[in-house]
């Protein structure tokens, strides 16, 4: 909320950039915790599609931002960007109000000795309330073993372990590459630099650019949700390599 207030009241470019930094800092906590909790609560066979759809629904916010901006740009004064900036706070209010109705992480409950509460949550979400379902005992045991192994490994684990073996070095490289290329896949061109791209091809009118931006977000929501539902059918690795290859061909051909 502090970032929203700072951005909505910004008087200089520096204030606006600082506000974006504050908002980005808070977002990092959100996008780290939410998919992990979703992974725990989703039924095992639905985890991949559910988390993929979670990421795809980023476009809901993008659609709201694009079309609100499309409606306010005609104001012709600072309120054309202050209104969208202030409305960001509405989502935070909804999140803060909703978080009291969320269930706790079964894994966290197990780690703090609250196994019975963890069992009740797993029974409700993974066994339709049937406490005798073997899946409940299986998942409880999996969590127990995982926590034990992590505690044992944490005693001697150090950052240098990333570089000690060939396998670890390969995993580290994959992690770095995925993080790097996910931000260099062209998404910045169609978001932060869209106006410059459109200027270069002759679409210079603000109304036209705002309309194209709004339509792009809708297209992004449709396509990302479609492919999110394909995760179990084709596998994450296949989809990742195919999409990355398609983006490469597109950029090279242009």
C-alpha atoms as a PDB file:
ATOM      1  CA  UNK A   1       0.000   0.000   0.000  1.00  0.00           C
ATOM      2  CA  UNK A   2       2.939   2.291   0.663  1.00  0.00           C
ATOM      3  CA  UNK A   3       4.193   1.800  -2.894  1.00  0.00           C
ATOM      4  CA  UNK A   4       0.732   2.560  -4.284  1.00  0.00           C
ATOM      5  CA  UNK A   5       0.478   5.743  -2.229  1.00  0.00           C
ATOM      6  CA  UNK A   6       3.938   6.852  -3.320  1.00  0.00           C
ATOM      7  CA  UNK A   7       3.235   6.182  -6.989  1.00  0.00           C
ATOM      8  CA  UNK A   8      -0.189   7.802  -6.945  1.00  0.00           C
ATOM      9  CA  UNK A   9       1.222  10.934  -5.302  1.00  0.00           C
ATOM     10  CA  UNK A  10       4.465  11.037  -7.309  1.00  0.00           C
ATOM     11  CA  UNK A  11       5.648  14.524  -8.232  1.00  0.00           C
ATOM     12  CA  UNK A  12       8.891  13.568  -9.961  1.00  0.00           C
ATOM     13  CA  UNK A  13      10.219  10.723 -12.067  1.00  0.00           C
ATOM     14  CA  UNK A  14      12.413   9.673  -9.140  1.00  0.00           C
ATOM     15  CA  UNK A  15       9.383   9.269  -6.858  1.00  0.00           C
ATOM     16  CA  UNK A  16       7.621   7.204  -9.504  1.00  0.00           C
ATOM     17  CA  UNK A  17      10.631   4.903  -9.980  1.00  0.00           C
ATOM     18  CA  UNK A  18      11.043   4.512  -6.214  1.00  0.00           C
ATOM     19  CA  UNK A  19       7.381   3.535  -5.938  1.00  0.00           C
ATOM     20  CA  UNK A  20       7.817   0.902  -8.627  1.00  0.00           C
ATOM     21  CA  UNK A  21      10.762  -0.464  -6.657  1.00  0.00           C
ATOM     22  CA  UNK A  22       8.695  -0.755  -3.482  1.00  0.00           C
ATOM     23  CA  UNK A  23       5.878  -2.496  -5.372  1.00  0.00           C
ATOM     24  CA  UNK A  24       8.339  -4.885  -7.008  1.00  0.00           C
ATOM     25  CA  UNK A  25       9.849  -5.760  -3.633  1.00  0.00           C
ATOM     26  CA  UNK A  26       6.445  -6.721  -2.233  1.00  0.00           C
ATOM     27  CA  UNK A  27       5.527  -8.623  -5.375  1.00  0.00           C
ATOM     28  CA  UNK A  28       8.578 -10.860  -4.947  1.00  0.00           C
ATOM     29  CA  UNK A  29       7.172 -12.192  -1.666  1.00  0.00           C
ATOM     30  CA  UNK A  30       3.769 -12.734  -3.243  1.00  0.00           C
ATOM     31  CA  UNK A  31       4.900 -14.669  -6.308  1.00  0.00           C
ATOM     32  CA  UNK A  32       7.228 -16.805  -4.187  1.00  0.00           C
ATOM     33  CA  UNK A  33       4.727 -17.890  -1.533  1.00  0.00           C
ATOM     34  CA  UNK A  34       1.520 -18.211  -3.548  1.00  0.00           C
ATOM     35  CA  UNK A  35       2.508 -20.901  -6.102  1.00  0.00           C
ATOM     36  CA  UNK A  36       4.207 -23.005  -3.411  1.00  0.00           C
ATOM     37  CA  UNK A  37       1.051 -23.014  -1.273  1.00  0.00           C
ATOM     38  CA  UNK A  38      -0.979 -23.801  -4.379  1.00  0.00           C
ATOM     39  CA  UNK A  39       1.325 -26.729  -5.115  1.00  0.00           C
ATOM     40  CA  UNK A  40       0.679 -28.171  -1.674  1.00  0.00           C
ATOM     41  CA  UNK A  41      -3.082 -27.755  -1.756  1.00  0.00           C
ATOM     42  CA  UNK A  42      -3.683 -28.890  -5.355  1.00  0.00           C
ATOM     43  CA  UNK A  43      -4.447 -32.528  -5.989  1.00  0.00           C
ATOM     44  CA  UNK A  44      -1.213 -34.278  -7.085  1.00  0.00           C
ATOM     45  CA  UNK A  45      -2.271 -34.833 -10.714  1.00  0.00           C
ATOM     46  CA  UNK A  46      -3.494 -31.240 -11.006  1.00  0.00           C
ATOM     47  CA  UNK A  47      -0.446 -29.465  -9.637  1.00  0.00           C
ATOM     48  CA  UNK A  48       1.258 -28.610 -12.919  1.00  0.00           C
ATOM     49  CA  UNK A  49      -1.857 -27.210 -14.654  1.00  0.00           C
ATOM     50  CA  UNK A  50      -2.926 -25.325 -11.538  1.00  0.00           C
ATOM     51  CA  UNK A  51       0.405 -23.557 -11.080  1.00  0.00           C
ATOM     52  CA  UNK A  52       0.633 -22.908 -14.831  1.00  0.00           C
ATOM     53  CA  UNK A  53      -2.822 -21.321 -14.774  1.00  0.00           C
ATOM     54  CA  UNK A  54      -1.783 -19.303 -11.710  1.00  0.00           C
ATOM     55  CA  UNK A  55       1.062 -17.796 -13.739  1.00  0.00           C
ATOM     56  CA  UNK A  56      -1.171 -17.309 -16.784  1.00  0.00           C
ATOM     57  CA  UNK A  57      -3.693 -15.332 -14.739  1.00  0.00           C
ATOM     58  CA  UNK A  58      -1.106 -12.570 -14.505  1.00  0.00           C
ATOM     59  CA  UNK A  59      -2.869 -11.379 -17.637  1.00  0.00           C
ATOM     60  CA  UNK A  60      -6.035 -10.620 -15.673  1.00  0.00           C
ATOM     61  CA  UNK A  61      -4.160  -7.835 -13.932  1.00  0.00           C
ATOM     62  CA  UNK A  62      -2.546  -6.786 -17.204  1.00  0.00           C
ATOM     63  CA  UNK A  63      -5.967  -6.627 -18.899  1.00  0.00           C
ATOM     64  CA  UNK A  64      -7.385  -4.513 -16.075  1.00  0.00           C
ATOM     65  CA  UNK A  65      -4.390  -2.165 -16.185  1.00  0.00           C
ATOM     66  CA  UNK A  66      -4.467  -1.874 -19.983  1.00  0.00           C
ATOM     67  CA  UNK A  67      -8.161  -1.083 -20.270  1.00  0.00           C
ATOM     68  CA  UNK A  68      -8.256   1.235 -17.259  1.00  0.00           C
ATOM     69  CA  UNK A  69      -5.369   3.138 -18.834  1.00  0.00           C
ATOM     70  CA  UNK A  70      -7.218   3.126 -22.156  1.00  0.00           C
ATOM     71  CA  UNK A  71     -10.166   4.762 -20.425  1.00  0.00           C
ATOM     72  CA  UNK A  72      -8.180   7.369 -18.478  1.00  0.00           C
ATOM     73  CA  UNK A  73      -5.654   8.547 -21.076  1.00  0.00           C
ATOM     74  CA  UNK A  74      -8.285  10.904 -22.562  1.00  0.00           C
ATOM     75  CA  UNK A  75      -8.199  12.995 -19.366  1.00  0.00           C
ATOM     76  CA  UNK A  76      -5.138  14.796 -20.661  1.00  0.00           C
ATOM     77  CA  UNK A  77      -3.650  15.502 -17.207  1.00  0.00           C
ATOM     78  CA  UNK A  78      -1.721  13.698 -14.474  1.00  0.00           C
ATOM     79  CA  UNK A  79      -4.837  11.836 -13.371  1.00  0.00           C
ATOM     80  CA  UNK A  80      -4.594   9.777 -16.555  1.00  0.00           C
ATOM     81  CA  UNK A  81      -1.786   7.819 -14.845  1.00  0.00           C
ATOM     82  CA  UNK A  82      -2.573   8.572 -11.197  1.00  0.00           C
ATOM     83  CA  UNK A  83      -5.942   6.797 -11.333  1.00  0.00           C
ATOM     84  CA  UNK A  84      -4.475   3.487 -12.612  1.00  0.00           C
ATOM     85  CA  UNK A  85      -1.663   3.840 -10.079  1.00  0.00           C
ATOM     86  CA  UNK A  86      -4.048   4.283  -7.152  1.00  0.00           C
ATOM     87  CA  UNK A  87      -6.356   1.478  -8.299  1.00  0.00           C
ATOM     88  CA  UNK A  88      -3.456  -0.950  -7.846  1.00  0.00           C
ATOM     89  CA  UNK A  89      -4.154  -0.712  -4.137  1.00  0.00           C
ATOM     90  CA  UNK A  90      -7.572  -2.333  -4.598  1.00  0.00           C
ATOM     91  CA  UNK A  91      -5.935  -5.701  -5.313  1.00  0.00           C
ATOM     92  CA  UNK A  92      -3.802  -5.418  -2.175  1.00  0.00           C
ATOM     93  CA  UNK A  93      -6.891  -4.699  -0.086  1.00  0.00           C
ATOM     94  CA  UNK A  94      -8.621  -7.778  -1.514  1.00  0.00           C
ATOM     95  CA  UNK A  95      -5.549  -9.912  -0.820  1.00  0.00           C
ATOM     96  CA  UNK A  96      -5.201  -8.682   2.748  1.00  0.00           C
ATOM     97  CA  UNK A  97      -8.877  -9.345   3.406  1.00  0.00           C
ATOM     98  CA  UNK A  98      -8.782 -12.778   1.796  1.00  0.00           C
ATOM     99  CA  UNK A  99      -5.623 -14.082   3.451  1.00  0.00           C
ATOM    100  CA  UNK A 100      -7.520 -14.721   6.714  1.00  0.00           C
ATOM    101  CA  UNK A 101      -9.606 -17.340   4.906  1.00  0.00           C
ATOM    102  CA  UNK A 102      -6.644 -19.264   3.484  1.00  0.00           C
ATOM    103  CA  UNK A 103      -5.629 -22.598   4.948  1.00  0.00           C
ATOM    104  CA  UNK A 104      -2.088 -23.031   6.226  1.00  0.00           C
ATOM    105  CA  UNK A 105       0.609 -24.986   4.449  1.00  0.00           C
ATOM    106  CA  UNK A 106       0.445 -28.690   5.450  1.00  0.00           C
ATOM    107  CA  UNK A 107       4.219 -28.837   5.177  1.00  0.00           C
ATOM    108  CA  UNK A 108       4.688 -25.881   7.526  1.00  0.00           C
ATOM    109  CA  UNK A 109       2.215 -27.367   9.989  1.00  0.00           C
ATOM    110  CA  UNK A 110       4.180 -30.627   9.994  1.00  0.00           C
ATOM    111  CA  UNK A 111       7.442 -28.757  10.561  1.00  0.00           C
ATOM    112  CA  UNK A 112       5.964 -27.087  13.652  1.00  0.00           C
ATOM    113  CA  UNK A 113       4.592 -30.300  15.151  1.00  0.00           C
ATOM    114  CA  UNK A 114       0.951 -29.779  14.121  1.00  0.00           C
ATOM    115  CA  UNK A 115       0.554 -33.043  12.260  1.00  0.00           C
ATOM    116  CA  UNK A 116      -3.157 -33.446  13.003  1.00  0.00           C
ATOM    117  CA  UNK A 117      -4.014 -30.095  11.435  1.00  0.00           C
ATOM    118  CA  UNK A 118      -1.881 -30.974   8.422  1.00  0.00           C
ATOM    119  CA  UNK A 119      -3.690 -34.312   8.111  1.00  0.00           C
ATOM    120  CA  UNK A 120      -7.104 -32.601   8.204  1.00  0.00           C
ATOM    121  CA  UNK A 121      -6.146 -30.242   5.384  1.00  0.00           C
ATOM    122  CA  UNK A 122      -4.779 -33.030   3.198  1.00  0.00           C
ATOM    123  CA  UNK A 123      -7.874 -35.129   3.923  1.00  0.00           C
ATOM    124  CA  UNK A 124     -10.156 -32.290   2.864  1.00  0.00           C
ATOM    125  CA  UNK A 125      -8.360 -31.278  -0.327  1.00  0.00           C
ATOM    126  CA  UNK A 126      -6.869 -34.576  -1.519  1.00  0.00           C
ATOM    127  CA  UNK A 127      -9.250 -37.264  -0.227  1.00  0.00           C
ATOM    128  CA  UNK A 128     -12.696 -35.613  -0.348  1.00  0.00           C
ATOM    129  CA  UNK A 129     -12.890 -35.774   3.443  1.00  0.00           C
ATOM    130  CA  UNK A 130     -12.151 -39.496   3.664  1.00  0.00           C
ATOM    131  CA  UNK A 131      -9.568 -39.843   6.434  1.00  0.00           C
ATOM    132  CA  UNK A 132      -9.083 -43.548   5.624  1.00  0.00           C
ATOM    133  CA  UNK A 133      -7.876 -42.840   2.085  1.00  0.00           C
ATOM    134  CA  UNK A 134      -4.319 -44.289   1.682  1.00  0.00           C
ATOM    135  CA  UNK A 135      -3.274 -41.094  -0.109  1.00  0.00           C
ATOM    136  CA  UNK A 136      -3.513 -39.164   3.158  1.00  0.00           C
ATOM    137  CA  UNK A 137      -1.049 -41.436   4.970  1.00  0.00           C
ATOM    138  CA  UNK A 138       1.221 -41.484   1.911  1.00  0.00           C
ATOM    139  CA  UNK A 139       1.457 -37.699   1.694  1.00  0.00           C
ATOM    140  CA  UNK A 140       1.926 -37.288   5.443  1.00  0.00           C
ATOM    141  CA  UNK A 141       4.795 -39.773   5.314  1.00  0.00           C
ATOM    142  CA  UNK A 142       6.323 -38.053   2.266  1.00  0.00           C
ATOM    143  CA  UNK A 143       6.304 -34.708   4.089  1.00  0.00           C
ATOM    144  CA  UNK A 144       7.774 -36.279   7.229  1.00  0.00           C
ATOM    145  CA  UNK A 145      10.618 -37.923   5.298  1.00  0.00           C
ATOM    146  CA  UNK A 146      11.305 -34.775   3.262  1.00  0.00           C
ATOM    147  CA  UNK A 147      11.538 -32.623   6.389  1.00  0.00           C
ATOM    148  CA  UNK A 148      13.870 -35.155   8.017  1.00  0.00           C
ATOM    149  CA  UNK A 149      16.168 -35.289   4.986  1.00  0.00           C
ATOM    150  CA  UNK A 150      16.265 -31.497   4.700  1.00  0.00           C
ATOM    151  CA  UNK A 151      17.166 -31.168   8.381  1.00  0.00           C
ATOM    152  CA  UNK A 152      19.984 -33.679   7.965  1.00  0.00           C
ATOM    153  CA  UNK A 153      21.330 -32.058   4.819  1.00  0.00           C
ATOM    154  CA  UNK A 154      21.097 -28.556   6.303  1.00  0.00           C
ATOM    155  CA  UNK A 155      23.681 -29.460   8.940  1.00  0.00           C
ATOM    156  CA  UNK A 156      26.498 -29.647   6.420  1.00  0.00           C
ATOM    157  CA  UNK A 157      25.137 -27.789   3.381  1.00  0.00           C
ATOM    158  CA  UNK A 158      27.020 -24.758   2.130  1.00  0.00           C
ATOM    159  CA  UNK A 159      26.719 -22.533  -0.929  1.00  0.00           C
ATOM    160  CA  UNK A 160      29.894 -24.065  -2.315  1.00  0.00           C
ATOM    161  CA  UNK A 161      27.893 -27.274  -2.875  1.00  0.00           C
ATOM    162  CA  UNK A 162      26.503 -25.677  -6.038  1.00  0.00           C
ATOM    163  CA  UNK A 163      29.936 -26.027  -7.622  1.00  0.00           C
ATOM    164  CA  UNK A 164      31.269 -29.249  -6.118  1.00  0.00           C
ATOM    165  CA  UNK A 165      29.864 -31.780  -8.574  1.00  0.00           C
ATOM    166  CA  UNK A 166      29.167 -31.789 -12.291  1.00  0.00           C
ATOM    167  CA  UNK A 167      25.474 -32.479 -11.637  1.00  0.00           C
ATOM    168  CA  UNK A 168      25.139 -29.549  -9.267  1.00  0.00           C
ATOM    169  CA  UNK A 169      26.907 -27.216 -11.670  1.00  0.00           C
ATOM    170  CA  UNK A 170      24.552 -28.273 -14.443  1.00  0.00           C
ATOM    171  CA  UNK A 171      21.503 -27.665 -12.250  1.00  0.00           C
ATOM    172  CA  UNK A 172      22.810 -24.242 -11.254  1.00  0.00           C
ATOM    173  CA  UNK A 173      23.375 -23.346 -14.905  1.00  0.00           C
ATOM    174  CA  UNK A 174      19.819 -24.393 -15.779  1.00  0.00           C
ATOM    175  CA  UNK A 175      18.422 -22.303 -12.927  1.00  0.00           C
ATOM    176  CA  UNK A 176      20.373 -19.238 -14.041  1.00  0.00           C
ATOM    177  CA  UNK A 177      19.463 -19.711 -17.698  1.00  0.00           C
ATOM    178  CA  UNK A 178      15.752 -20.153 -17.007  1.00  0.00           C
ATOM    179  CA  UNK A 179      15.668 -17.005 -14.878  1.00  0.00           C
ATOM    180  CA  UNK A 180      17.686 -15.008 -17.404  1.00  0.00           C
ATOM    181  CA  UNK A 181      15.945 -16.086 -20.586  1.00  0.00           C
ATOM    182  CA  UNK A 182      12.458 -15.840 -19.111  1.00  0.00           C
ATOM    183  CA  UNK A 183      13.145 -12.099 -18.841  1.00  0.00           C
ATOM    184  CA  UNK A 184      14.793 -11.910 -22.276  1.00  0.00           C
ATOM    185  CA  UNK A 185      12.151 -13.829 -24.205  1.00  0.00           C
ATOM    186  CA  UNK A 186      10.518 -10.734 -25.668  1.00  0.00           C
ATOM    187  CA  UNK A 187       7.983 -10.099 -22.906  1.00  0.00           C
ATOM    188  CA  UNK A 188       9.661  -6.773 -22.165  1.00  0.00           C
ATOM    189  CA  UNK A 189       9.133  -5.637 -25.732  1.00  0.00           C
ATOM    190  CA  UNK A 190       5.379  -6.188 -25.527  1.00  0.00           C
ATOM    191  CA  UNK A 191       5.042  -4.602 -22.107  1.00  0.00           C
ATOM    192  CA  UNK A 192       7.579  -1.985 -21.015  1.00  0.00           C
ATOM    193  CA  UNK A 193       8.703  -0.991 -24.514  1.00  0.00           C
ATOM    194  CA  UNK A 194       5.496  -1.561 -26.482  1.00  0.00           C
ATOM    195  CA  UNK A 195       5.029   2.132 -27.212  1.00  0.00           C
ATOM    196  CA  UNK A 196       8.534   2.358 -28.715  1.00  0.00           C
ATOM    197  CA  UNK A 197       7.895  -0.736 -30.847  1.00  0.00           C
ATOM    198  CA  UNK A 198       4.606   0.683 -32.102  1.00  0.00           C
ATOM    199  CA  UNK A 199       6.221   4.057 -32.797  1.00  0.00           C
ATOM    200  CA  UNK A 200       8.804   2.318 -34.973  1.00  0.00           C
ATOM    201  CA  UNK A 201       6.122   0.739 -37.170  1.00  0.00           C
ATOM    202  CA  UNK A 202       3.981   3.846 -37.510  1.00  0.00           C
ATOM    203  CA  UNK A 203       1.349   3.455 -34.766  1.00  0.00           C
ATOM    204  CA  UNK A 204       2.054   6.665 -32.886  1.00  0.00           C
ATOM    205  CA  UNK A 205      -1.398   7.733 -31.670  1.00  0.00           C
ATOM    206  CA  UNK A 206      -1.844   7.221 -27.922  1.00  0.00           C
ATOM    207  CA  UNK A 207      -5.370   5.889 -28.341  1.00  0.00           C
ATOM    208  CA  UNK A 208      -4.266   3.328 -30.918  1.00  0.00           C
ATOM    209  CA  UNK A 209      -1.337   2.196 -28.779  1.00  0.00           C
ATOM    210  CA  UNK A 210      -3.551   1.804 -25.713  1.00  0.00           C
ATOM    211  CA  UNK A 211      -6.091  -0.194 -27.728  1.00  0.00           C
ATOM    212  CA  UNK A 212      -3.398  -2.520 -29.122  1.00  0.00           C
ATOM    213  CA  UNK A 213      -2.007  -2.998 -25.622  1.00  0.00           C
ATOM    214  CA  UNK A 214      -5.428  -3.977 -24.278  1.00  0.00           C
ATOM    215  CA  UNK A 215      -6.028  -6.462 -27.100  1.00  0.00           C
ATOM    216  CA  UNK A 216      -2.565  -7.992 -26.644  1.00  0.00           C
ATOM    217  CA  UNK A 217      -3.281  -8.710 -22.980  1.00  0.00           C
ATOM    218  CA  UNK A 218      -6.520 -10.514 -23.868  1.00  0.00           C
ATOM    219  CA  UNK A 219      -4.688 -12.566 -26.493  1.00  0.00           C
ATOM    220  CA  UNK A 220      -1.995 -13.395 -23.941  1.00  0.00           C
ATOM    221  CA  UNK A 221      -4.577 -14.610 -21.407  1.00  0.00           C
ATOM    222  CA  UNK A 222      -6.288 -16.887 -23.932  1.00  0.00           C
ATOM    223  CA  UNK A 223      -3.099 -18.463 -25.281  1.00  0.00           C
ATOM    224  CA  UNK A 224      -1.348 -18.857 -21.914  1.00  0.00           C
ATOM    225  CA  UNK A 225      -4.387 -20.515 -20.296  1.00  0.00           C
ATOM    226  CA  UNK A 226      -4.723 -22.852 -23.283  1.00  0.00           C
ATOM    227  CA  UNK A 227      -1.126 -24.025 -23.058  1.00  0.00           C
ATOM    228  CA  UNK A 228      -1.307 -24.183 -19.253  1.00  0.00           C
ATOM    229  CA  UNK A 229      -3.919 -26.886 -19.674  1.00  0.00           C
ATOM    230  CA  UNK A 230      -1.566 -28.781 -21.982  1.00  0.00           C
ATOM    231  CA  UNK A 231       1.165 -29.273 -19.366  1.00  0.00           C
ATOM    232  CA  UNK A 232       0.156 -32.787 -18.355  1.00  0.00           C
ATOM    233  CA  UNK A 233      -0.374 -33.802 -21.979  1.00  0.00           C
ATOM    234  CA  UNK A 234       2.973 -32.698 -23.416  1.00  0.00           C
ATOM    235  CA  UNK A 235       5.127 -32.143 -20.327  1.00  0.00           C
ATOM    236  CA  UNK A 236       6.757 -28.970 -19.054  1.00  0.00           C
ATOM    237  CA  UNK A 237      10.112 -29.610 -20.710  1.00  0.00           C
ATOM    238  CA  UNK A 238       8.566 -30.102 -24.155  1.00  0.00           C
ATOM    239  CA  UNK A 239       6.445 -26.961 -23.859  1.00  0.00           C
ATOM    240  CA  UNK A 240       9.380 -24.936 -22.561  1.00  0.00           C
ATOM    241  CA  UNK A 241      11.760 -25.984 -25.342  1.00  0.00           C
ATOM    242  CA  UNK A 242       9.104 -25.608 -28.043  1.00  0.00           C
ATOM    243  CA  UNK A 243       8.068 -22.127 -26.935  1.00  0.00           C
ATOM    244  CA  UNK A 244      11.677 -21.010 -26.509  1.00  0.00           C
ATOM    245  CA  UNK A 245      12.536 -22.322 -29.975  1.00  0.00           C
ATOM    246  CA  UNK A 246       9.523 -20.559 -31.497  1.00  0.00           C
ATOM    247  CA  UNK A 247      10.518 -17.272 -29.871  1.00  0.00           C
ATOM    248  CA  UNK A 248      14.094 -17.691 -31.179  1.00  0.00           C
ATOM    249  CA  UNK A 249      12.876 -18.293 -34.728  1.00  0.00           C
ATOM    250  CA  UNK A 250      10.542 -15.292 -34.505  1.00  0.00           C
ATOM    251  CA  UNK A 251      13.260 -12.912 -33.375  1.00  0.00           C
ATOM    252  CA  UNK A 252      15.862 -14.201 -35.814  1.00  0.00           C
ATOM    253  CA  UNK A 253      13.430 -13.990 -38.746  1.00  0.00           C
ATOM    254  CA  UNK A 254      12.648 -10.394 -37.918  1.00  0.00           C
END
